[in-house]
Full PDB file with SEQRES, HELIX, SHEET, SSBOND, CRYST1, ORIGX, SCALE, CONECT and MASTER records, all heavy atoms in Angstrom:
SEQRES   1 A   41  THR PRO TYR ARG SER ILE GLU CYS GLU ASN PHE ASP GLY          
SEQRES   2 A   41  ASP TYR PHE ASN MET LEU GLY ALA LEU GLU ASP GLU ILE          
SEQRES   3 A   41  GLU ASN PHE LYS GLU THR GLU GLU GLY LYS GLU PHE TRP          
SEQRES   4 A   41  GLY ALA                                                      
HELIX    1 AA1 PHE A   16  LYS A   30  1                                  15    
CRYST1    1.000    1.000    1.000  90.00  90.00  90.00 P 1           1          
ORIGX1      1.000000  0.000000  0.000000        0.00000                         
ORIGX2      0.000000  1.000000  0.000000        0.00000                         
ORIGX3      0.000000  0.000000  1.000000        0.00000                         
SCALE1      1.000000  0.000000  0.000000        0.00000                         
SCALE2      0.000000  1.000000  0.000000        0.00000                         
SCALE3      0.000000  0.000000  1.000000        0.00000                         
ATOM      1  N   THR A   1       0.850  -1.194   0.036  1.00  0.00           N  
ATOM      2  CA  THR A   1      -0.004  -0.015   0.006  1.00  0.00           C  
ATOM      3  C   THR A   1       0.891   1.190   0.032  1.00  0.00           C  
ATOM      4  O   THR A   1       1.795   1.319   0.786  1.00  0.00           O  
ATOM      5  CB  THR A   1      -0.938   0.001   1.234  1.00  0.00           C  
ATOM      6  OG1 THR A   1      -1.697  -1.234   1.283  1.00  0.00           O  
ATOM      7  CG2 THR A   1      -1.872   1.245   1.206  1.00  0.00           C  
ATOM      8  N   PRO A   2       0.656   2.225  -0.894  1.00  0.00           N  
ATOM      9  CA  PRO A   2       1.495   3.434  -0.975  1.00  0.00           C  
ATOM     10  C   PRO A   2       1.341   4.327   0.249  1.00  0.00           C  
ATOM     11  O   PRO A   2       0.285   4.291   0.898  1.00  0.00           O  
ATOM     12  CB  PRO A   2       1.045   4.081  -2.234  1.00  0.00           C  
ATOM     13  CG  PRO A   2      -0.337   3.623  -2.501  1.00  0.00           C  
ATOM     14  CD  PRO A   2      -0.381   2.171  -1.973  1.00  0.00           C  
ATOM     15  N   TYR A   3       2.373   5.059   0.596  1.00  0.00           N  
ATOM     16  CA  TYR A   3       2.387   5.992   1.706  1.00  0.00           C  
ATOM     17  C   TYR A   3       2.288   7.398   1.166  1.00  0.00           C  
ATOM     18  O   TYR A   3       2.813   7.757   0.084  1.00  0.00           O  
ATOM     19  CB  TYR A   3       3.686   5.792   2.463  1.00  0.00           C  
ATOM     20  CG  TYR A   3       3.863   6.706   3.711  1.00  0.00           C  
ATOM     21  CD1 TYR A   3       3.255   6.383   4.903  1.00  0.00           C  
ATOM     22  CD2 TYR A   3       4.681   7.784   3.622  1.00  0.00           C  
ATOM     23  CE1 TYR A   3       3.445   7.194   6.014  1.00  0.00           C  
ATOM     24  CE2 TYR A   3       4.865   8.648   4.732  1.00  0.00           C  
ATOM     25  CZ  TYR A   3       4.258   8.345   5.921  1.00  0.00           C  
ATOM     26  OH  TYR A   3       4.471   9.138   7.006  1.00  0.00           O  
ATOM     27  N   ARG A   4       1.710   8.229   1.948  1.00  0.00           N  
ATOM     28  CA  ARG A   4       1.518   9.655   1.513  1.00  0.00           C  
ATOM     29  C   ARG A   4       2.026  10.614   2.609  1.00  0.00           C  
ATOM     30  O   ARG A   4       1.607  10.471   3.768  1.00  0.00           O  
ATOM     31  CB  ARG A   4       0.057  10.011   1.216  1.00  0.00           C  
ATOM     32  CG  ARG A   4      -0.156  11.356   0.508  1.00  0.00           C  
ATOM     33  CD  ARG A   4      -1.623  11.696   0.539  1.00  0.00           C  
ATOM     34  NE  ARG A   4      -2.501  10.696  -0.015  1.00  0.00           N  
ATOM     35  CZ  ARG A   4      -2.877  10.684  -1.325  1.00  0.00           C  
ATOM     36  NH1 ARG A   4      -2.424  11.628  -2.166  1.00  0.00           N  
ATOM     37  NH2 ARG A   4      -3.692   9.734  -1.736  1.00  0.00           N  
ATOM     38  N   SER A   5       2.983  11.476   2.260  1.00  0.00           N  
ATOM     39  CA  SER A   5       3.410  12.466   3.244  1.00  0.00           C  
ATOM     40  C   SER A   5       2.358  13.557   3.509  1.00  0.00           C  
ATOM     41  O   SER A   5       1.454  13.656   2.699  1.00  0.00           O  
ATOM     42  CB  SER A   5       4.713  13.072   2.779  1.00  0.00           C  
ATOM     43  OG  SER A   5       5.741  12.160   2.679  1.00  0.00           O  
ATOM     44  N   ILE A   6       2.478  14.310   4.542  1.00  0.00           N  
ATOM     45  CA  ILE A   6       1.490  15.239   4.936  1.00  0.00           C  
ATOM     46  C   ILE A   6       1.124  16.256   3.852  1.00  0.00           C  
ATOM     47  O   ILE A   6       2.012  16.859   3.238  1.00  0.00           O  
ATOM     48  CB  ILE A   6       1.889  15.963   6.232  1.00  0.00           C  
ATOM     49  CG1 ILE A   6       0.723  16.788   6.745  1.00  0.00           C  
ATOM     50  CG2 ILE A   6       3.116  16.727   6.065  1.00  0.00           C  
ATOM     51  CD1 ILE A   6       0.927  17.357   8.179  1.00  0.00           C  
ATOM     52  N   GLU A   7      -0.185  16.356   3.583  1.00  0.00           N  
ATOM     53  CA  GLU A   7      -0.735  17.338   2.663  1.00  0.00           C  
ATOM     54  C   GLU A   7      -0.222  17.172   1.227  1.00  0.00           C  
ATOM     55  O   GLU A   7      -0.309  18.119   0.446  1.00  0.00           O  
ATOM     56  CB  GLU A   7      -0.564  18.770   3.145  1.00  0.00           C  
ATOM     57  CG  GLU A   7      -1.352  19.011   4.475  1.00  0.00           C  
ATOM     58  CD  GLU A   7      -1.243  20.435   4.868  1.00  0.00           C  
ATOM     59  OE1 GLU A   7      -0.480  21.221   4.259  1.00  0.00           O  
ATOM     60  OE2 GLU A   7      -1.955  20.825   5.814  1.00  0.00           O  
ATOM     61  N   CYS A   8       0.312  16.050   0.890  1.00  0.00           N  
ATOM     62  CA  CYS A   8       0.751  15.801  -0.513  1.00  0.00           C  
ATOM     63  C   CYS A   8      -0.336  15.209  -1.380  1.00  0.00           C  
ATOM     64  O   CYS A   8      -1.033  14.314  -0.972  1.00  0.00           O  
ATOM     65  CB  CYS A   8       1.947  14.842  -0.551  1.00  0.00           C  
ATOM     66  SG  CYS A   8       3.454  15.594   0.040  1.00  0.00           S  
ATOM     67  N   GLU A   9      -0.600  15.818  -2.526  1.00  0.00           N  
ATOM     68  CA  GLU A   9      -1.625  15.342  -3.422  1.00  0.00           C  
ATOM     69  C   GLU A   9      -1.300  13.960  -3.963  1.00  0.00           C  
ATOM     70  O   GLU A   9      -2.234  13.120  -4.155  1.00  0.00           O  
ATOM     71  CB  GLU A   9      -1.785  16.318  -4.601  1.00  0.00           C  
ATOM     72  CG  GLU A   9      -3.066  16.133  -5.437  1.00  0.00           C  
ATOM     73  CD  GLU A   9      -4.332  16.481  -4.671  1.00  0.00           C  
ATOM     74  OE1 GLU A   9      -4.341  17.503  -3.985  1.00  0.00           O  
ATOM     75  OE2 GLU A   9      -5.321  15.717  -4.765  1.00  0.00           O  
ATOM     76  N   ASN A  10      -0.049  13.643  -4.167  1.00  0.00           N  
ATOM     77  CA  ASN A  10       0.334  12.381  -4.700  1.00  0.00           C  
ATOM     78  C   ASN A  10       1.028  11.459  -3.653  1.00  0.00           C  
ATOM     79  O   ASN A  10       1.586  11.976  -2.649  1.00  0.00           O  
ATOM     80  CB  ASN A  10       1.340  12.531  -5.864  1.00  0.00           C  
ATOM     81  CG  ASN A  10       0.702  13.373  -6.996  1.00  0.00           C  
ATOM     82  OD1 ASN A  10      -0.450  13.122  -7.387  1.00  0.00           O  
ATOM     83  ND2 ASN A  10       1.469  14.306  -7.506  1.00  0.00           N  
ATOM     84  N   PHE A  11       0.960  10.163  -3.899  1.00  0.00           N  
ATOM     85  CA  PHE A  11       1.604   9.226  -3.055  1.00  0.00           C  
ATOM     86  C   PHE A  11       3.151   9.363  -3.164  1.00  0.00           C  
ATOM     87  O   PHE A  11       3.689   9.786  -4.166  1.00  0.00           O  
ATOM     88  CB  PHE A  11       1.242   7.746  -3.361  1.00  0.00           C  
ATOM     89  CG  PHE A  11      -0.191   7.444  -3.061  1.00  0.00           C  
ATOM     90  CD1 PHE A  11      -1.072   7.113  -4.034  1.00  0.00           C  
ATOM     91  CD2 PHE A  11      -0.579   7.369  -1.751  1.00  0.00           C  
ATOM     92  CE1 PHE A  11      -2.360   6.725  -3.783  1.00  0.00           C  
ATOM     93  CE2 PHE A  11      -1.935   7.028  -1.406  1.00  0.00           C  
ATOM     94  CZ  PHE A  11      -2.796   6.723  -2.504  1.00  0.00           C  
ATOM     95  N   ASP A  12       3.820   9.014  -2.089  1.00  0.00           N  
ATOM     96  CA  ASP A  12       5.344   9.000  -2.171  1.00  0.00           C  
ATOM     97  C   ASP A  12       5.718   7.881  -3.174  1.00  0.00           C  
ATOM     98  O   ASP A  12       5.064   6.828  -3.280  1.00  0.00           O  
ATOM     99  CB  ASP A  12       5.914   8.594  -0.793  1.00  0.00           C  
ATOM    100  CG  ASP A  12       5.831   9.779   0.182  1.00  0.00           C  
ATOM    101  OD1 ASP A  12       5.103  10.738  -0.066  1.00  0.00           O  
ATOM    102  OD2 ASP A  12       6.475   9.690   1.259  1.00  0.00           O  
ATOM    103  N   GLY A  13       6.795   8.101  -3.861  1.00  0.00           N  
ATOM    104  CA  GLY A  13       7.300   7.081  -4.766  1.00  0.00           C  
ATOM    105  C   GLY A  13       8.025   5.965  -4.182  1.00  0.00           C  
ATOM    106  O   GLY A  13       8.360   4.946  -4.818  1.00  0.00           O  
ATOM    107  N   ASP A  14       8.364   6.102  -2.868  1.00  0.00           N  
ATOM    108  CA  ASP A  14       9.113   5.096  -2.129  1.00  0.00           C  
ATOM    109  C   ASP A  14       8.658   5.103  -0.682  1.00  0.00           C  
ATOM    110  O   ASP A  14       7.733   5.764  -0.352  1.00  0.00           O  
ATOM    111  CB  ASP A  14      10.576   5.280  -2.294  1.00  0.00           C  
ATOM    112  CG  ASP A  14      11.004   6.706  -1.911  1.00  0.00           C  
ATOM    113  OD1 ASP A  14      10.526   7.214  -0.870  1.00  0.00           O  
ATOM    114  OD2 ASP A  14      11.783   7.365  -2.663  1.00  0.00           O  
ATOM    115  N   TYR A  15       9.449   4.440   0.159  1.00  0.00           N  
ATOM    116  CA  TYR A  15       9.080   4.392   1.563  1.00  0.00           C  
ATOM    117  C   TYR A  15      10.080   5.032   2.522  1.00  0.00           C  
ATOM    118  O   TYR A  15      10.080   4.750   3.743  1.00  0.00           O  
ATOM    119  CB  TYR A  15       8.832   2.909   1.974  1.00  0.00           C  
ATOM    120  CG  TYR A  15       7.624   2.288   1.250  1.00  0.00           C  
ATOM    121  CD1 TYR A  15       7.753   1.602   0.079  1.00  0.00           C  
ATOM    122  CD2 TYR A  15       6.345   2.463   1.756  1.00  0.00           C  
ATOM    123  CE1 TYR A  15       6.679   1.062  -0.598  1.00  0.00           C  
ATOM    124  CE2 TYR A  15       5.220   1.925   1.160  1.00  0.00           C  
ATOM    125  CZ  TYR A  15       5.423   1.251  -0.028  1.00  0.00           C  
ATOM    126  OH  TYR A  15       4.310   0.707  -0.680  1.00  0.00           O  
ATOM    127  N   PHE A  16      10.913   5.896   1.980  1.00  0.00           N  
ATOM    128  CA  PHE A  16      11.887   6.576   2.813  1.00  0.00           C  
ATOM    129  C   PHE A  16      11.160   7.380   3.893  1.00  0.00           C  
ATOM    130  O   PHE A  16      11.568   7.368   5.094  1.00  0.00           O  
ATOM    131  CB  PHE A  16      12.796   7.460   1.936  1.00  0.00           C  
ATOM    132  CG  PHE A  16      13.834   6.725   1.209  1.00  0.00           C  
ATOM    133  CD1 PHE A  16      13.655   6.457  -0.142  1.00  0.00           C  
ATOM    134  CD2 PHE A  16      15.011   6.287   1.786  1.00  0.00           C  
ATOM    135  CE1 PHE A  16      14.648   5.763  -0.869  1.00  0.00           C  
ATOM    136  CE2 PHE A  16      15.980   5.636   1.163  1.00  0.00           C  
ATOM    137  CZ  PHE A  16      15.795   5.327  -0.225  1.00  0.00           C  
ATOM    138  N   ASN A  17      10.203   8.189   3.525  1.00  0.00           N  
ATOM    139  CA  ASN A  17       9.504   9.036   4.487  1.00  0.00           C  
ATOM    140  C   ASN A  17       8.733   8.248   5.509  1.00  0.00           C  
ATOM    141  O   ASN A  17       8.716   8.523   6.699  1.00  0.00           O  
ATOM    142  CB  ASN A  17       8.552   9.974   3.793  1.00  0.00           C  
ATOM    143  CG  ASN A  17       9.273  11.111   2.965  1.00  0.00           C  
ATOM    144  OD1 ASN A  17      10.449  11.407   3.276  1.00  0.00           O  
ATOM    145  ND2 ASN A  17       8.623  11.587   1.903  1.00  0.00           N  
ATOM    146  N   MET A  18       8.140   7.088   5.082  1.00  0.00           N  
ATOM    147  CA  MET A  18       7.406   6.279   6.002  1.00  0.00           C  
ATOM    148  C   MET A  18       8.357   5.712   7.030  1.00  0.00           C  
ATOM    149  O   MET A  18       8.037   5.727   8.289  1.00  0.00           O  
ATOM    150  CB  MET A  18       6.692   5.159   5.209  1.00  0.00           C  
ATOM    151  CG  MET A  18       6.051   4.161   6.173  1.00  0.00           C  
ATOM    152  SD  MET A  18       5.446   2.733   5.220  1.00  0.00           S  
ATOM    153  CE  MET A  18       5.248   1.521   6.558  1.00  0.00           C  
ATOM    154  N   LEU A  19       9.402   5.138   6.612  1.00  0.00           N  
ATOM    155  CA  LEU A  19      10.381   4.514   7.615  1.00  0.00           C  
ATOM    156  C   LEU A  19      10.977   5.627   8.517  1.00  0.00           C  
ATOM    157  O   LEU A  19      11.279   5.324   9.634  1.00  0.00           O  
ATOM    158  CB  LEU A  19      11.417   3.730   6.864  1.00  0.00           C  
ATOM    159  CG  LEU A  19      10.948   2.450   6.190  1.00  0.00           C  
ATOM    160  CD1 LEU A  19      12.115   1.699   5.557  1.00  0.00           C  
ATOM    161  CD2 LEU A  19      10.224   1.509   7.174  1.00  0.00           C  
ATOM    162  N   GLY A  20      11.193   6.795   7.897  1.00  0.00           N  
ATOM    163  CA  GLY A  20      11.741   7.871   8.747  1.00  0.00           C  
ATOM    164  C   GLY A  20      10.753   8.213   9.820  1.00  0.00           C  
ATOM    165  O   GLY A  20      11.155   8.429  10.976  1.00  0.00           O  
ATOM    166  N   ALA A  21       9.461   8.325   9.484  1.00  0.00           N  
ATOM    167  CA  ALA A  21       8.446   8.638  10.505  1.00  0.00           C  
ATOM    168  C   ALA A  21       8.318   7.534  11.471  1.00  0.00           C  
ATOM    169  O   ALA A  21       8.208   7.785  12.743  1.00  0.00           O  
ATOM    170  CB  ALA A  21       7.088   8.859   9.817  1.00  0.00           C  
ATOM    171  N   LEU A  22       8.447   6.257  11.039  1.00  0.00           N  
ATOM    172  CA  LEU A  22       8.370   5.097  11.987  1.00  0.00           C  
ATOM    173  C   LEU A  22       9.500   5.197  12.956  1.00  0.00           C  
ATOM    174  O   LEU A  22       9.274   5.053  14.203  1.00  0.00           O  
ATOM    175  CB  LEU A  22       8.385   3.830  11.177  1.00  0.00           C  
ATOM    176  CG  LEU A  22       8.447   2.567  11.946  1.00  0.00           C  
ATOM    177  CD1 LEU A  22       7.103   2.347  12.718  1.00  0.00           C  
ATOM    178  CD2 LEU A  22       8.702   1.326  11.073  1.00  0.00           C  
ATOM    179  N   GLU A  23      10.692   5.405  12.492  1.00  0.00           N  
ATOM    180  CA  GLU A  23      11.867   5.450  13.349  1.00  0.00           C  
ATOM    181  C   GLU A  23      11.793   6.641  14.330  1.00  0.00           C  
ATOM    182  O   GLU A  23      12.073   6.467  15.557  1.00  0.00           O  
ATOM    183  CB  GLU A  23      13.170   5.574  12.535  1.00  0.00           C  
ATOM    184  CG  GLU A  23      14.447   5.319  13.341  1.00  0.00           C  
ATOM    185  CD  GLU A  23      15.602   5.210  12.425  1.00  0.00           C  
ATOM    186  OE1 GLU A  23      15.971   6.239  11.731  1.00  0.00           O  
ATOM    187  OE2 GLU A  23      16.261   4.173  12.419  1.00  0.00           O  
ATOM    188  N   ASP A  24      11.325   7.766  13.817  1.00  0.00           N  
ATOM    189  CA  ASP A  24      11.199   8.945  14.683  1.00  0.00           C  
ATOM    190  C   ASP A  24      10.241   8.706  15.824  1.00  0.00           C  
ATOM    191  O   ASP A  24      10.537   9.020  17.026  1.00  0.00           O  
ATOM    192  CB  ASP A  24      10.690  10.135  13.865  1.00  0.00           C  
ATOM    193  CG  ASP A  24      11.727  10.765  12.988  1.00  0.00           C  
ATOM    194  OD1 ASP A  24      12.917  10.399  13.115  1.00  0.00           O  
ATOM    195  OD2 ASP A  24      11.310  11.539  12.093  1.00  0.00           O  
ATOM    196  N   GLU A  25       9.090   8.171  15.540  1.00  0.00           N  
ATOM    197  CA  GLU A  25       8.032   8.015  16.546  1.00  0.00           C  
ATOM    198  C   GLU A  25       8.391   6.924  17.538  1.00  0.00           C  
ATOM    199  O   GLU A  25       8.066   7.054  18.743  1.00  0.00           O  
ATOM    200  CB  GLU A  25       6.695   7.702  15.913  1.00  0.00           C  
ATOM    201  CG  GLU A  25       6.118   8.824  15.027  1.00  0.00           C  
ATOM    202  CD  GLU A  25       6.045  10.162  15.777  1.00  0.00           C  
ATOM    203  OE1 GLU A  25       5.697  10.104  16.991  1.00  0.00           O  
ATOM    204  OE2 GLU A  25       6.254  11.200  15.210  1.00  0.00           O  
ATOM    205  N   ILE A  26       9.071   5.861  17.110  1.00  0.00           N  
ATOM    206  CA  ILE A  26       9.553   4.865  18.083  1.00  0.00           C  
ATOM    207  C   ILE A  26      10.507   5.447  19.034  1.00  0.00           C  
ATOM    208  O   ILE A  26      10.427   5.297  20.254  1.00  0.00           O  
ATOM    209  CB  ILE A  26      10.188   3.684  17.324  1.00  0.00           C  
ATOM    210  CG1 ILE A  26       9.157   2.900  16.530  1.00  0.00           C  
ATOM    211  CG2 ILE A  26      10.897   2.758  18.333  1.00  0.00           C  
ATOM    212  CD1 ILE A  26       9.743   1.896  15.518  1.00  0.00           C  
ATOM    213  N   GLU A  27      11.504   6.215  18.505  1.00  0.00           N  
ATOM    214  CA  GLU A  27      12.542   6.837  19.387  1.00  0.00           C  
ATOM    215  C   GLU A  27      11.863   7.886  20.310  1.00  0.00           C  
ATOM    216  O   GLU A  27      12.245   8.011  21.454  1.00  0.00           O  
ATOM    217  CB  GLU A  27      13.641   7.368  18.554  1.00  0.00           C  
ATOM    218  CG  GLU A  27      14.450   6.333  17.818  1.00  0.00           C  
ATOM    219  CD  GLU A  27      15.036   5.271  18.771  1.00  0.00           C  
ATOM    220  OE1 GLU A  27      15.551   5.636  19.817  1.00  0.00           O  
ATOM    221  OE2 GLU A  27      14.896   4.113  18.478  1.00  0.00           O  
ATOM    222  N   ASN A  28      10.992   8.660  19.746  1.00  0.00           N  
ATOM    223  CA  ASN A  28      10.284   9.759  20.522  1.00  0.00           C  
ATOM    224  C   ASN A  28       9.561   9.089  21.736  1.00  0.00           C  
ATOM    225  O   ASN A  28       9.558   9.599  22.822  1.00  0.00           O  
ATOM    226  CB  ASN A  28       9.347  10.503  19.664  1.00  0.00           C  
ATOM    227  CG  ASN A  28      10.080  11.416  18.703  1.00  0.00           C  
ATOM    228  OD1 ASN A  28      11.275  11.705  18.864  1.00  0.00           O  
ATOM    229  ND2 ASN A  28       9.400  11.910  17.709  1.00  0.00           N  
ATOM    230  N   PHE A  29       8.883   7.948  21.431  1.00  0.00           N  
ATOM    231  CA  PHE A  29       8.128   7.301  22.584  1.00  0.00           C  
ATOM    232  C   PHE A  29       9.092   6.788  23.583  1.00  0.00           C  
ATOM    233  O   PHE A  29       8.792   6.895  24.841  1.00  0.00           O  
ATOM    234  CB  PHE A  29       7.290   6.158  21.968  1.00  0.00           C  
ATOM    235  CG  PHE A  29       6.530   5.411  22.967  1.00  0.00           C  
ATOM    236  CD1 PHE A  29       5.431   6.006  23.629  1.00  0.00           C  
ATOM    237  CD2 PHE A  29       6.877   4.149  23.400  1.00  0.00           C  
ATOM    238  CE1 PHE A  29       4.724   5.295  24.617  1.00  0.00           C  
ATOM    239  CE2 PHE A  29       6.207   3.459  24.343  1.00  0.00           C  
ATOM    240  CZ  PHE A  29       5.092   4.017  24.969  1.00  0.00           C  
ATOM    241  N   LYS A  30      10.181   6.201  23.234  1.00  0.00           N  
ATOM    242  CA  LYS A  30      11.170   5.668  24.164  1.00  0.00           C  
ATOM    243  C   LYS A  30      11.712   6.778  25.061  1.00  0.00           C  
ATOM    244  O   LYS A  30      12.037   6.518  26.273  1.00  0.00           O  
ATOM    245  CB  LYS A  30      12.304   5.001  23.431  1.00  0.00           C  
ATOM    246  CG  LYS A  30      11.941   3.647  22.796  1.00  0.00           C  
ATOM    247  CD  LYS A  30      12.987   3.185  21.828  1.00  0.00           C  
ATOM    248  CE  LYS A  30      14.330   2.974  22.509  1.00  0.00           C  
ATOM    249  NZ  LYS A  30      15.319   2.476  21.543  1.00  0.00           N  
ATOM    250  N   GLU A  31      11.709   8.009  24.649  1.00  0.00           N  
ATOM    251  CA  GLU A  31      12.294   9.111  25.426  1.00  0.00           C  
ATOM    252  C   GLU A  31      11.229   9.768  26.354  1.00  0.00           C  
ATOM    253  O   GLU A  31      11.609  10.609  27.192  1.00  0.00           O  
ATOM    254  CB  GLU A  31      12.856  10.172  24.440  1.00  0.00           C  
ATOM    255  CG  GLU A  31      14.086   9.714  23.704  1.00  0.00           C  
ATOM    256  CD  GLU A  31      14.534  10.692  22.656  1.00  0.00           C  
ATOM    257  OE1 GLU A  31      13.912  11.788  22.587  1.00  0.00           O  
ATOM    258  OE2 GLU A  31      15.454  10.429  21.898  1.00  0.00           O  
ATOM    259  N   THR A  32       9.977   9.345  26.225  1.00  0.00           N  
ATOM    260  CA  THR A  32       8.941   9.892  27.138  1.00  0.00           C  
ATOM    261  C   THR A  32       8.949   9.190  28.427  1.00  0.00           C  
ATOM    262  O   THR A  32       9.494   8.053  28.538  1.00  0.00           O  
ATOM    263  CB  THR A  32       7.533   9.799  26.487  1.00  0.00           C  
ATOM    264  OG1 THR A  32       7.195   8.434  26.360  1.00  0.00           O  
ATOM    265  CG2 THR A  32       7.504  10.519  25.137  1.00  0.00           C  
ATOM    266  N   GLU A  33       8.311   9.743  29.450  1.00  0.00           N  
ATOM    267  CA  GLU A  33       8.231   9.110  30.729  1.00  0.00           C  
ATOM    268  C   GLU A  33       7.358   7.813  30.620  1.00  0.00           C  
ATOM    269  O   GLU A  33       7.723   6.794  31.225  1.00  0.00           O  
ATOM    270  CB  GLU A  33       7.513   9.995  31.765  1.00  0.00           C  
ATOM    271  CG  GLU A  33       7.348   9.469  33.160  1.00  0.00           C  
ATOM    272  CD  GLU A  33       8.703   9.214  33.786  1.00  0.00           C  
ATOM    273  OE1 GLU A  33       9.693   9.774  33.420  1.00  0.00           O  
ATOM    274  OE2 GLU A  33       8.793   8.337  34.700  1.00  0.00           O  
ATOM    275  N   GLU A  34       6.326   7.866  29.847  1.00  0.00           N  
ATOM    276  CA  GLU A  34       5.449   6.656  29.726  1.00  0.00           C  
ATOM    277  C   GLU A  34       6.108   5.565  28.925  1.00  0.00           C  
ATOM    278  O   GLU A  34       5.729   4.402  28.989  1.00  0.00           O  
ATOM    279  CB  GLU A  34       4.107   7.027  29.101  1.00  0.00           C  
ATOM    280  CG  GLU A  34       4.128   7.499  27.705  1.00  0.00           C  
ATOM    281  CD  GLU A  34       2.776   7.817  27.107  1.00  0.00           C  
ATOM    282  OE1 GLU A  34       1.754   7.579  27.801  1.00  0.00           O  
ATOM    283  OE2 GLU A  34       2.727   8.360  25.998  1.00  0.00           O  
ATOM    284  N   GLY A  35       7.100   5.931  28.058  1.00  0.00           N  
ATOM    285  CA  GLY A  35       7.689   4.952  27.195  1.00  0.00           C  
ATOM    286  C   GLY A  35       9.166   4.548  27.622  1.00  0.00           C  
ATOM    287  O   GLY A  35       9.857   3.826  26.878  1.00  0.00           O  
ATOM    288  N   LYS A  36       9.556   4.922  28.826  1.00  0.00           N  
ATOM    289  CA  LYS A  36      10.913   4.671  29.248  1.00  0.00           C  
ATOM    290  C   LYS A  36      11.316   3.201  29.339  1.00  0.00           C  
ATOM    291  O   LYS A  36      12.483   2.822  29.257  1.00  0.00           O  
ATOM    292  CB  LYS A  36      11.227   5.360  30.535  1.00  0.00           C  
ATOM    293  CG  LYS A  36      10.395   4.964  31.716  1.00  0.00           C  
ATOM    294  CD  LYS A  36      10.690   5.760  32.936  1.00  0.00           C  
ATOM    295  CE  LYS A  36       9.910   5.308  34.157  1.00  0.00           C  
ATOM    296  NZ  LYS A  36      10.179   6.175  35.359  1.00  0.00           N  
ATOM    297  N   GLU A  37      10.293   2.283  29.526  1.00  0.00           N  
ATOM    298  CA  GLU A  37      10.602   0.855  29.633  1.00  0.00           C  
ATOM    299  C   GLU A  37      10.509   0.159  28.320  1.00  0.00           C  
ATOM    300  O   GLU A  37      10.690  -1.078  28.232  1.00  0.00           O  
ATOM    301  CB  GLU A  37       9.641   0.231  30.699  1.00  0.00           C  
ATOM    302  CG  GLU A  37       9.925   0.663  32.098  1.00  0.00           C  
ATOM    303  CD  GLU A  37       9.143  -0.198  33.104  1.00  0.00           C  
ATOM    304  OE1 GLU A  37       8.114  -0.844  32.687  1.00  0.00           O  
ATOM    305  OE2 GLU A  37       9.522  -0.236  34.271  1.00  0.00           O  
ATOM    306  N   PHE A  38      10.070   0.873  27.219  1.00  0.00           N  
ATOM    307  CA  PHE A  38       9.970   0.249  25.961  1.00  0.00           C  
ATOM    308  C   PHE A  38      11.328   0.101  25.321  1.00  0.00           C  
ATOM    309  O   PHE A  38      12.052   1.095  25.203  1.00  0.00           O  
ATOM    310  CB  PHE A  38       9.027   1.091  25.083  1.00  0.00           C  
ATOM    311  CG  PHE A  38       8.603   0.436  23.794  1.00  0.00           C  
ATOM    312  CD1 PHE A  38       7.848  -0.677  23.867  1.00  0.00           C  
ATOM    313  CD2 PHE A  38       9.016   0.949  22.529  1.00  0.00           C  
ATOM    314  CE1 PHE A  38       7.386  -1.315  22.660  1.00  0.00           C  
ATOM    315  CE2 PHE A  38       8.564   0.348  21.395  1.00  0.00           C  
ATOM    316  CZ  PHE A  38       7.770  -0.787  21.455  1.00  0.00           C  
ATOM    317  N   TRP A  39      11.671  -1.107  24.871  1.00  0.00           N  
ATOM    318  CA  TRP A  39      13.011  -1.370  24.365  1.00  0.00           C  
ATOM    319  C   TRP A  39      13.129  -0.979  22.909  1.00  0.00           C  
ATOM    320  O   TRP A  39      14.224  -0.716  22.441  1.00  0.00           O  
ATOM    321  CB  TRP A  39      13.328  -2.838  24.457  1.00  0.00           C  
ATOM    322  CG  TRP A  39      13.380  -3.338  25.865  1.00  0.00           C  
ATOM    323  CD1 TRP A  39      13.552  -2.579  27.009  1.00  0.00           C  
ATOM    324  CD2 TRP A  39      13.202  -4.720  26.319  1.00  0.00           C  
ATOM    325  NE1 TRP A  39      13.556  -3.388  28.147  1.00  0.00           N  
ATOM    326  CE2 TRP A  39      13.287  -4.657  27.759  1.00  0.00           C  
ATOM    327  CE3 TRP A  39      12.920  -5.890  25.664  1.00  0.00           C  
ATOM    328  CZ2 TRP A  39      13.197  -5.832  28.483  1.00  0.00           C  
ATOM    329  CZ3 TRP A  39      12.865  -7.058  26.413  1.00  0.00           C  
ATOM    330  CH2 TRP A  39      12.928  -7.053  27.799  1.00  0.00           C  
ATOM    331  N   GLY A  40      12.044  -0.884  22.195  1.00  0.00           N  
ATOM    332  CA  GLY A  40      12.088  -0.419  20.803  1.00  0.00           C  
ATOM    333  C   GLY A  40      11.431  -1.366  19.830  1.00  0.00           C  
ATOM    334  O   GLY A  40      10.721  -2.323  20.197  1.00  0.00           O  
ATOM    335  N   ALA A  41      11.633  -1.115  18.542  1.00  0.00           N  
ATOM    336  CA  ALA A  41      11.003  -1.901  17.491  1.00  0.00           C  
ATOM    337  C   ALA A  41      11.896  -1.843  16.237  1.00  0.00           C  
ATOM    338  O   ALA A  41      12.630  -0.846  16.015  1.00  0.00           O  
ATOM    339  CB  ALA A  41       9.602  -1.328  17.148  1.00  0.00           C  
TER     340      ALA A  41                                                      
MASTER        0    0    0    1    0    0    0    6  339    1    0    4          
END                                                                             
């Protein structure tokens, strides 16, 4: 299934932005107080 970056009319041609968002949000969660025991993904 194609991925679409924010407010883009067209789908992304690859999954670089999707994986970037995935990695960002995993690391951001680990740095929060509620996510400090989460080892990652």
